[in-house]
């Protein structure tokens, strides 16, 4: 039991760093990739099919 208690602060610190990395780095990067990819797909579609018409 002692080794588990000794690892708790270290594990808590590691989980906090992982959470901050995911929220501050990965979510914005993935958002930019998704939005940019969608914009690229629309752009390529319009190059092939022409601009939208009424």
PDB file of N, CA and C in Angstrom:
ATOM      1  N   UNK A   1       0.805  -1.199   0.000  1.00  0.00           N
ATOM      2  CA  UNK A   1       0.000   0.000   0.000  1.00  0.00           C
ATOM      3  C   UNK A   1       0.848   1.262   0.000  1.00  0.00           C
ATOM      4  N   UNK A   2       2.033   1.180   0.608  1.00  0.00           N
ATOM      5  CA  UNK A   2       2.868   2.373   0.716  1.00  0.00           C
ATOM      6  C   UNK A   2       3.310   2.868  -0.652  1.00  0.00           C
ATOM      7  N   UNK A   3       3.644   1.970  -1.555  1.00  0.00           N
ATOM      8  CA  UNK A   3       4.114   2.406  -2.864  1.00  0.00           C
ATOM      9  C   UNK A   3       2.997   3.108  -3.642  1.00  0.00           C
ATOM     10  N   UNK A   4       1.771   2.654  -3.471  1.00  0.00           N
ATOM     11  CA  UNK A   4       0.643   3.305  -4.144  1.00  0.00           C
ATOM     12  C   UNK A   4       0.439   4.725  -3.603  1.00  0.00           C
ATOM     13  N   UNK A   5       0.537   4.887  -2.299  1.00  0.00           N
ATOM     14  CA  UNK A   5       0.403   6.219  -1.707  1.00  0.00           C
ATOM     15  C   UNK A   5       1.534   7.129  -2.137  1.00  0.00           C
ATOM     16  N   UNK A   6       2.733   6.589  -2.326  1.00  0.00           N
ATOM     17  CA  UNK A   6       3.881   7.400  -2.726  1.00  0.00           C
ATOM     18  C   UNK A   6       3.742   7.864  -4.175  1.00  0.00           C
ATOM     19  N   UNK A   7       3.031   7.124  -5.013  1.00  0.00           N
ATOM     20  CA  UNK A   7       2.897   7.485  -6.427  1.00  0.00           C
ATOM     21  C   UNK A   7       1.735   8.438  -6.682  1.00  0.00           C
ATOM     22  N   UNK A   8       0.843   8.599  -5.745  1.00  0.00           N
ATOM     23  CA  UNK A   8      -0.334   9.432  -5.973  1.00  0.00           C
ATOM     24  C   UNK A   8       0.005  10.869  -6.368  1.00  0.00           C
ATOM     25  N   UNK A   9       0.887  11.581  -5.664  1.00  0.00           N
ATOM     26  CA  UNK A   9       1.188  12.960  -6.094  1.00  0.00           C
ATOM     27  C   UNK A   9       1.827  13.008  -7.485  1.00  0.00           C
ATOM     28  N   UNK A  10       2.690  12.054  -7.774  1.00  0.00           N
ATOM     29  CA  UNK A  10       3.330  12.015  -9.089  1.00  0.00           C
ATOM     30  C   UNK A  10       2.298  11.716 -10.177  1.00  0.00           C
ATOM     31  N   UNK A  11       1.421  10.783  -9.901  1.00  0.00           N
ATOM     32  CA  UNK A  11       0.395  10.434 -10.877  1.00  0.00           C
ATOM     33  C   UNK A  11      -0.578  11.592 -11.091  1.00  0.00           C
ATOM     34  N   UNK A  12      -0.925  12.271  -9.985  1.00  0.00           N
ATOM     35  CA  UNK A  12      -1.821  13.413 -10.093  1.00  0.00           C
ATOM     36  C   UNK A  12      -1.188  14.515 -10.946  1.00  0.00           C
ATOM     37  N   UNK A  13       0.098  14.756 -10.743  1.00  0.00           N
ATOM     38  CA  UNK A  13       0.812  15.758 -11.527  1.00  0.00           C
ATOM     39  C   UNK A  13       0.852  15.361 -13.008  1.00  0.00           C
ATOM     40  N   UNK A  14       1.084  14.087 -13.279  1.00  0.00           N
ATOM     41  CA  UNK A  14       1.121  13.597 -14.657  1.00  0.00           C
ATOM     42  C   UNK A  14      -0.255  13.730 -15.323  1.00  0.00           C
ATOM     43  N   UNK A  15      -1.302  13.413 -14.587  1.00  0.00           N
ATOM     44  CA  UNK A  15      -2.648  13.546 -15.140  1.00  0.00           C
ATOM     45  C   UNK A  15      -2.994  15.008 -15.410  1.00  0.00           C
ATOM     46  N   UNK A  16      -2.565  15.908 -14.536  1.00  0.00           N
ATOM     47  CA  UNK A  16      -2.807  17.332 -14.754  1.00  0.00           C
ATOM     48  C   UNK A  16      -2.080  17.817 -16.003  1.00  0.00           C
ATOM     49  N   UNK A  17      -0.825  17.412 -16.164  1.00  0.00           N
ATOM     50  CA  UNK A  17      -0.076  17.815 -17.367  1.00  0.00           C
ATOM     51  C   UNK A  17      -0.715  17.232 -18.625  1.00  0.00           C
ATOM     52  N   UNK A  18      -1.187  16.006 -18.560  1.00  0.00           N
ATOM     53  CA  UNK A  18      -1.854  15.394 -19.713  1.00  0.00           C
ATOM     54  C   UNK A  18      -3.140  16.147 -20.056  1.00  0.00           C
ATOM     55  N   UNK A  19      -3.912  16.487 -19.046  1.00  0.00           N
ATOM     56  CA  UNK A  19      -5.146  17.231 -19.269  1.00  0.00           C
ATOM     57  C   UNK A  19      -4.864  18.589 -19.891  1.00  0.00           C
ATOM     58  N   UNK A  20      -3.879  19.309 -19.355  1.00  0.00           N
ATOM     59  CA  UNK A  20      -3.539  20.621 -19.904  1.00  0.00           C
ATOM     60  C   UNK A  20      -3.037  20.515 -21.338  1.00  0.00           C
ATOM     61  N   UNK A  21      -2.237  19.494 -21.627  1.00  0.00           N
ATOM     62  CA  UNK A  21      -1.751  19.296 -22.990  1.00  0.00           C
ATOM     63  C   UNK A  21      -2.908  19.030 -23.942  1.00  0.00           C
ATOM     64  N   UNK A  22      -3.837  18.182 -23.529  1.00  0.00           N
ATOM     65  CA  UNK A  22      -4.974  17.875 -24.399  1.00  0.00           C
ATOM     66  C   UNK A  22      -5.848  19.097 -24.638  1.00  0.00           C
ATOM     67  N   UNK A  23      -6.130  19.862 -23.586  1.00  0.00           N
ATOM     68  CA  UNK A  23      -7.045  20.991 -23.728  1.00  0.00           C
ATOM     69  C   UNK A  23      -6.386  22.203 -24.373  1.00  0.00           C
ATOM     70  N   UNK A  24      -5.111  22.438 -24.107  1.00  0.00           N
ATOM     71  CA  UNK A  24      -4.456  23.642 -24.609  1.00  0.00           C
ATOM     72  C   UNK A  24      -3.778  23.439 -25.957  1.00  0.00           C
ATOM     73  N   UNK A  25      -3.449  22.199 -26.306  1.00  0.00           N
ATOM     74  CA  UNK A  25      -2.712  21.958 -27.543  1.00  0.00           C
ATOM     75  C   UNK A  25      -3.528  21.126 -28.538  1.00  0.00           C
ATOM     76  N   UNK A  26      -3.964  19.955 -28.111  1.00  0.00           N
ATOM     77  CA  UNK A  26      -4.566  19.030 -29.064  1.00  0.00           C
ATOM     78  C   UNK A  26      -5.945  19.469 -29.550  1.00  0.00           C
ATOM     79  N   UNK A  27      -6.788  19.995 -28.697  1.00  0.00           N
ATOM     80  CA  UNK A  27      -8.125  20.410 -29.131  1.00  0.00           C
ATOM     81  C   UNK A  27      -8.042  21.546 -30.154  1.00  0.00           C
ATOM     82  N   UNK A  28      -7.251  22.612 -29.923  1.00  0.00           N
ATOM     83  CA  UNK A  28      -7.150  23.645 -30.951  1.00  0.00           C
ATOM     84  C   UNK A  28      -6.536  23.133 -32.260  1.00  0.00           C
ATOM     85  N   UNK A  29      -5.522  22.288 -32.162  1.00  0.00           N
ATOM     86  CA  UNK A  29      -4.902  21.756 -33.378  1.00  0.00           C
ATOM     87  C   UNK A  29      -5.899  20.918 -34.166  1.00  0.00           C
ATOM     88  N   UNK A  30      -6.621  20.044 -33.492  1.00  0.00           N
ATOM     89  CA  UNK A  30      -7.612  19.224 -34.189  1.00  0.00           C
ATOM     90  C   UNK A  30      -8.741  20.065 -34.762  1.00  0.00           C
ATOM     91  N   UNK A  31      -9.127  21.136 -34.074  1.00  0.00           N
ATOM     92  CA  UNK A  31     -10.170  22.023 -34.591  1.00  0.00           C
ATOM     93  C   UNK A  31      -9.718  22.693 -35.876  1.00  0.00           C
ATOM     94  N   UNK A  32      -8.488  23.178 -35.907  1.00  0.00           N
ATOM     95  CA  UNK A  32      -7.959  23.817 -37.115  1.00  0.00           C
ATOM     96  C   UNK A  32      -7.880  22.808 -38.258  1.00  0.00           C
ATOM     97  N   UNK A  33      -7.464  21.594 -37.963  1.00  0.00           N
ATOM     98  CA  UNK A  33      -7.369  20.566 -39.004  1.00  0.00           C
ATOM     99  C   UNK A  33      -8.748  20.236 -39.573  1.00  0.00           C
ATOM    100  N   UNK A  34      -9.741  20.081 -38.708  1.00  0.00           N
ATOM    101  CA  UNK A  34     -11.090  19.732 -39.172  1.00  0.00           C
ATOM    102  C   UNK A  34     -11.687  20.863 -40.001  1.00  0.00           C
ATOM    103  N   UNK A  35     -11.610  22.091 -39.520  1.00  0.00           N
ATOM    104  CA  UNK A  35     -12.194  23.222 -40.248  1.00  0.00           C
ATOM    105  C   UNK A  35     -11.441  23.463 -41.546  1.00  0.00           C
ATOM    106  N   UNK A  36     -10.116  23.389 -41.489  1.00  0.00           N
ATOM    107  CA  UNK A  36      -9.320  23.569 -42.700  1.00  0.00           C
ATOM    108  C   UNK A  36      -9.576  22.471 -43.718  1.00  0.00           C
ATOM    109  N   UNK A  37      -9.712  21.253 -43.256  1.00  0.00           N
ATOM    110  CA  UNK A  37     -10.011  20.140 -44.160  1.00  0.00           C
ATOM    111  C   UNK A  37     -11.370  20.291 -44.824  1.00  0.00           C
ATOM    112  N   UNK A  38     -12.352  20.740 -44.064  1.00  0.00           N
ATOM    113  CA  UNK A  38     -13.676  20.963 -44.648  1.00  0.00           C
ATOM    114  C   UNK A  38     -13.624  22.077 -45.682  1.00  0.00           C
ATOM    115  N   UNK A  39     -12.934  23.161 -45.365  1.00  0.00           N
ATOM    116  CA  UNK A  39     -12.789  24.255 -46.326  1.00  0.00           C
ATOM    117  C   UNK A  39     -12.076  23.801 -47.587  1.00  0.00           C
ATOM    118  N   UNK A  40     -11.056  22.982 -47.427  1.00  0.00           N
ATOM    119  CA  UNK A  40     -10.342  22.455 -48.593  1.00  0.00           C
ATOM    120  C   UNK A  40     -11.248  21.578 -49.446  1.00  0.00           C
ATOM    121  N   UNK A  41     -12.054  20.727 -48.798  1.00  0.00           N
ATOM    122  CA  UNK A  41     -12.971  19.878 -49.560  1.00  0.00           C
ATOM    123  C   UNK A  41     -13.994  20.704 -50.336  1.00  0.00           C
ATOM    124  N   UNK A  42     -14.536  21.746 -49.710  1.00  0.00           N
ATOM    125  CA  UNK A  42     -15.493  22.616 -50.401  1.00  0.00           C
ATOM    126  C   UNK A  42     -14.811  23.313 -51.565  1.00  0.00           C
ATOM    127  N   UNK A  43     -13.610  23.794 -51.364  1.00  0.00           N
ATOM    128  CA  UNK A  43     -12.861  24.478 -52.417  1.00  0.00           C
ATOM    129  C   UNK A  43     -12.609  23.538 -53.606  1.00  0.00           C
ATOM    130  N   UNK A  44     -12.168  22.298 -53.318  1.00  0.00           N
ATOM    131  CA  UNK A  44     -11.922  21.332 -54.392  1.00  0.00           C
ATOM    132  C   UNK A  44     -13.227  20.970 -55.106  1.00  0.00           C
ATOM    133  N   UNK A  45     -14.302  20.821 -54.357  1.00  0.00           N
ATOM    134  CA  UNK A  45     -15.591  20.513 -54.967  1.00  0.00           C
ATOM    135  C   UNK A  45     -16.015  21.632 -55.915  1.00  0.00           C
ATOM    136  N   UNK A  46     -15.819  22.870 -55.496  1.00  0.00           N
ATOM    137  CA  UNK A  46     -16.218  23.991 -56.341  1.00  0.00           C
ATOM    138  C   UNK A  46     -15.282  24.137 -57.541  1.00  0.00           C
ATOM    139  N   UNK A  47     -14.039  23.734 -57.443  1.00  0.00           N
ATOM    140  CA  UNK A  47     -13.164  23.754 -58.607  1.00  0.00           C
ATOM    141  C   UNK A  47     -13.653  22.761 -59.661  1.00  0.00           C
ATOM    142  N   UNK A  48     -14.182  21.622 -59.213  1.00  0.00           N
ATOM    143  CA  UNK A  48     -14.645  20.596 -60.150  1.00  0.00           C
ATOM    144  C   UNK A  48     -16.033  20.921 -60.679  1.00  0.00           C
ATOM    145  N   UNK A  49     -16.960  21.317 -59.807  1.00  0.00           N
ATOM    146  CA  UNK A  49     -18.348  21.462 -60.217  1.00  0.00           C
ATOM    147  C   UNK A  49     -18.734  22.902 -60.537  1.00  0.00           C
ATOM    148  N   UNK A  50     -17.884  23.857 -60.267  1.00  0.00           N
ATOM    149  CA  UNK A  50     -18.217  25.253 -60.500  1.00  0.00           C
ATOM    150  C   UNK A  50     -18.829  25.887 -59.275  1.00  0.00           C
ATOM    151  N   UNK A  51     -18.996  27.199 -59.321  1.00  0.00           N
ATOM    152  CA  UNK A  51     -19.545  27.897 -58.163  1.00  0.00           C
ATOM    153  C   UNK A  51     -21.018  27.550 -57.961  1.00  0.00           C
ATOM    154  N   UNK A  52     -21.519  27.749 -56.745  1.00  0.00           N
ATOM    155  CA  UNK A  52     -22.934  27.472 -56.513  1.00  0.00           C
ATOM    156  C   UNK A  52     -23.821  28.434 -57.293  1.00  0.00           C
ATOM    157  N   UNK A  53     -24.943  27.936 -57.747  1.00  0.00           N
ATOM    158  CA  UNK A  53     -25.875  28.792 -58.479  1.00  0.00           C
ATOM    159  C   UNK A  53     -27.216  28.816 -57.752  1.00  0.00           C
ATOM    160  N   UNK A  54     -28.000  29.824 -58.019  1.00  0.00           N
ATOM    161  CA  UNK A  54     -29.286  29.998 -57.338  1.00  0.00           C
ATOM    162  C   UNK A  54     -30.299  29.038 -57.867  1.00  0.00           C
TER     163      UNK A  54
END
